[in-house]
C-alpha cells in the first residue's frame, strides 16, 4: 500500500481509495488504531508524507 521507500516505489493510491471507501467505519477505525499502536504515529501523518513524496 505504501510502496517500498528504499526502492523508491510510489504508494498505491488505488489501494488507499479502495480501503477508505469500501471498508465500513469500524474496520477503518481499527486500521487507524492498529497502525498507530504499531508505529507510534497516526496513519494520516504517514499518508500525507508518502503522498507528498510520490507527487515530487
N, C-alpha and C. Protein backbone atom coordinates (compact mmCIF):
# COMPACT_ATOMS: atom_id res chain seq x y z
N UNK A 1 0.82 -1.19 0.00
CA UNK A 1 0.00 0.00 0.00
C UNK A 1 0.87 1.25 0.00
N UNK A 2 1.92 1.28 0.82
CA UNK A 2 2.78 2.46 0.90
C UNK A 2 3.91 2.42 -0.12
N UNK A 3 4.18 1.29 -0.72
CA UNK A 3 5.34 1.18 -1.58
C UNK A 3 6.58 0.94 -0.73
N UNK A 4 7.70 0.73 -1.38
CA UNK A 4 8.94 0.47 -0.67
C UNK A 4 9.83 1.70 -0.76
N UNK A 5 10.08 2.34 0.37
CA UNK A 5 10.84 3.59 0.39
C UNK A 5 12.26 3.38 -0.13
N UNK A 6 12.91 2.28 0.25
CA UNK A 6 14.28 2.02 -0.19
C UNK A 6 14.36 1.85 -1.71
N UNK A 7 13.35 1.25 -2.29
CA UNK A 7 13.32 1.04 -3.74
C UNK A 7 12.69 2.22 -4.47
N UNK A 8 12.32 3.25 -3.71
CA UNK A 8 11.68 4.46 -4.25
C UNK A 8 10.39 4.15 -5.01
N UNK A 9 9.64 3.15 -4.50
CA UNK A 9 8.35 2.82 -5.08
C UNK A 9 7.33 3.82 -4.57
N UNK A 10 6.40 4.16 -5.42
CA UNK A 10 5.35 5.10 -5.04
C UNK A 10 4.23 4.36 -4.31
N UNK A 11 3.50 5.08 -3.45
CA UNK A 11 2.35 4.47 -2.78
C UNK A 11 1.28 4.06 -3.81
N UNK A 12 0.54 3.03 -3.48
CA UNK A 12 -0.54 2.58 -4.35
C UNK A 12 -1.81 3.35 -3.99
N UNK A 13 -2.07 4.42 -4.71
CA UNK A 13 -3.22 5.28 -4.40
C UNK A 13 -4.55 4.55 -4.57
N UNK A 14 -4.62 3.62 -5.52
CA UNK A 14 -5.85 2.87 -5.73
C UNK A 14 -6.19 2.01 -4.51
N UNK A 15 -5.18 1.44 -3.87
CA UNK A 15 -5.42 0.65 -2.66
C UNK A 15 -5.95 1.54 -1.55
N UNK A 16 -5.37 2.74 -1.39
CA UNK A 16 -5.88 3.68 -0.39
C UNK A 16 -7.35 3.98 -0.66
N UNK A 17 -7.68 4.27 -1.90
CA UNK A 17 -9.07 4.60 -2.26
C UNK A 17 -10.00 3.44 -1.93
N UNK A 18 -9.58 2.24 -2.28
CA UNK A 18 -10.41 1.06 -2.04
C UNK A 18 -10.64 0.84 -0.55
N UNK A 19 -9.56 0.86 0.22
CA UNK A 19 -9.66 0.62 1.67
C UNK A 19 -10.53 1.68 2.32
N UNK A 20 -10.29 2.95 1.99
CA UNK A 20 -11.00 4.03 2.68
C UNK A 20 -12.43 4.22 2.18
N UNK A 21 -12.77 3.67 1.03
CA UNK A 21 -14.13 3.87 0.53
C UNK A 21 -15.02 2.64 0.64
N UNK A 22 -14.43 1.45 0.78
CA UNK A 22 -15.26 0.25 0.78
C UNK A 22 -15.37 -0.43 2.14
N UNK A 23 -14.40 -0.24 3.01
CA UNK A 23 -14.49 -0.84 4.34
C UNK A 23 -15.49 -0.04 5.18
N UNK A 24 -16.10 -0.71 6.15
CA UNK A 24 -17.03 0.01 6.99
C UNK A 24 -16.26 0.84 8.04
N UNK A 25 -16.96 1.73 8.68
CA UNK A 25 -16.34 2.69 9.60
C UNK A 25 -15.55 1.99 10.71
N UNK A 26 -16.09 0.93 11.28
CA UNK A 26 -15.39 0.23 12.37
C UNK A 26 -14.08 -0.39 11.89
N UNK A 27 -14.10 -0.95 10.69
CA UNK A 27 -12.86 -1.54 10.14
C UNK A 27 -11.81 -0.46 9.92
N UNK A 28 -12.22 0.67 9.38
CA UNK A 28 -11.28 1.77 9.13
C UNK A 28 -10.75 2.32 10.45
N UNK A 29 -11.63 2.46 11.42
CA UNK A 29 -11.22 2.94 12.74
C UNK A 29 -10.19 1.99 13.36
N UNK A 30 -10.41 0.70 13.23
CA UNK A 30 -9.47 -0.31 13.75
C UNK A 30 -8.14 -0.24 13.00
N UNK A 31 -8.18 -0.06 11.69
CA UNK A 31 -6.97 0.07 10.89
C UNK A 31 -6.12 1.25 11.37
N UNK A 32 -6.75 2.41 11.57
CA UNK A 32 -6.04 3.59 12.04
C UNK A 32 -5.45 3.36 13.43
N UNK A 33 -6.22 2.74 14.30
CA UNK A 33 -5.78 2.47 15.67
C UNK A 33 -4.60 1.49 15.69
N UNK A 34 -4.71 0.41 14.93
CA UNK A 34 -3.63 -0.59 14.88
C UNK A 34 -2.36 0.01 14.29
N UNK A 35 -2.50 0.81 13.26
CA UNK A 35 -1.32 1.43 12.65
C UNK A 35 -0.60 2.30 13.68
N UNK A 36 -1.37 3.10 14.41
CA UNK A 36 -0.75 3.98 15.40
C UNK A 36 -0.09 3.18 16.52
N UNK A 37 -0.71 2.09 16.96
CA UNK A 37 -0.07 1.29 18.02
C UNK A 37 1.22 0.63 17.52
N UNK A 38 1.27 0.26 16.26
CA UNK A 38 2.45 -0.41 15.71
C UNK A 38 3.59 0.57 15.41
N UNK A 39 3.26 1.78 14.98
CA UNK A 39 4.30 2.70 14.50
C UNK A 39 4.54 3.89 15.42
N UNK A 40 3.57 4.19 16.29
CA UNK A 40 3.72 5.35 17.15
C UNK A 40 3.33 6.66 16.49
N UNK A 41 2.85 6.60 15.26
CA UNK A 41 2.39 7.81 14.58
C UNK A 41 1.04 7.54 13.93
N UNK A 42 0.23 8.58 13.77
CA UNK A 42 -1.08 8.36 13.15
C UNK A 42 -0.93 8.02 11.66
N UNK A 43 -1.83 7.21 11.18
CA UNK A 43 -1.81 6.83 9.77
C UNK A 43 -1.94 8.05 8.87
N UNK A 44 -2.71 9.02 9.28
CA UNK A 44 -2.89 10.22 8.45
C UNK A 44 -1.56 10.92 8.19
N UNK A 45 -0.69 10.97 9.18
CA UNK A 45 0.62 11.61 9.01
C UNK A 45 1.46 10.83 8.00
N UNK A 46 1.43 9.52 8.09
CA UNK A 46 2.20 8.69 7.16
C UNK A 46 1.67 8.83 5.74
N UNK A 47 0.37 8.88 5.59
CA UNK A 47 -0.23 9.03 4.26
C UNK A 47 0.17 10.37 3.66
N UNK A 48 0.08 11.43 4.44
CA UNK A 48 0.46 12.76 3.94
C UNK A 48 1.90 12.79 3.47
N UNK A 49 2.80 12.22 4.27
CA UNK A 49 4.23 12.20 3.91
C UNK A 49 4.43 11.42 2.62
N UNK A 50 3.84 10.24 2.53
CA UNK A 50 4.02 9.39 1.36
C UNK A 50 3.43 10.02 0.10
N UNK A 51 2.27 10.63 0.22
CA UNK A 51 1.66 11.23 -0.96
C UNK A 51 2.45 12.44 -1.43
N UNK A 52 3.03 13.19 -0.51
CA UNK A 52 3.88 14.32 -0.90
C UNK A 52 5.11 13.81 -1.63
N UNK A 53 5.70 12.72 -1.15
CA UNK A 53 6.88 12.15 -1.79
C UNK A 53 6.54 11.68 -3.21
N UNK A 54 5.39 11.05 -3.37
CA UNK A 54 5.03 10.50 -4.68
C UNK A 54 4.68 11.59 -5.68
N UNK A 55 4.31 12.76 -5.22
CA UNK A 55 3.98 13.85 -6.12
C UNK A 55 5.21 14.62 -6.58
N UNK A 56 6.35 14.36 -5.97
CA UNK A 56 7.59 15.07 -6.37
C UNK A 56 8.29 14.39 -7.51
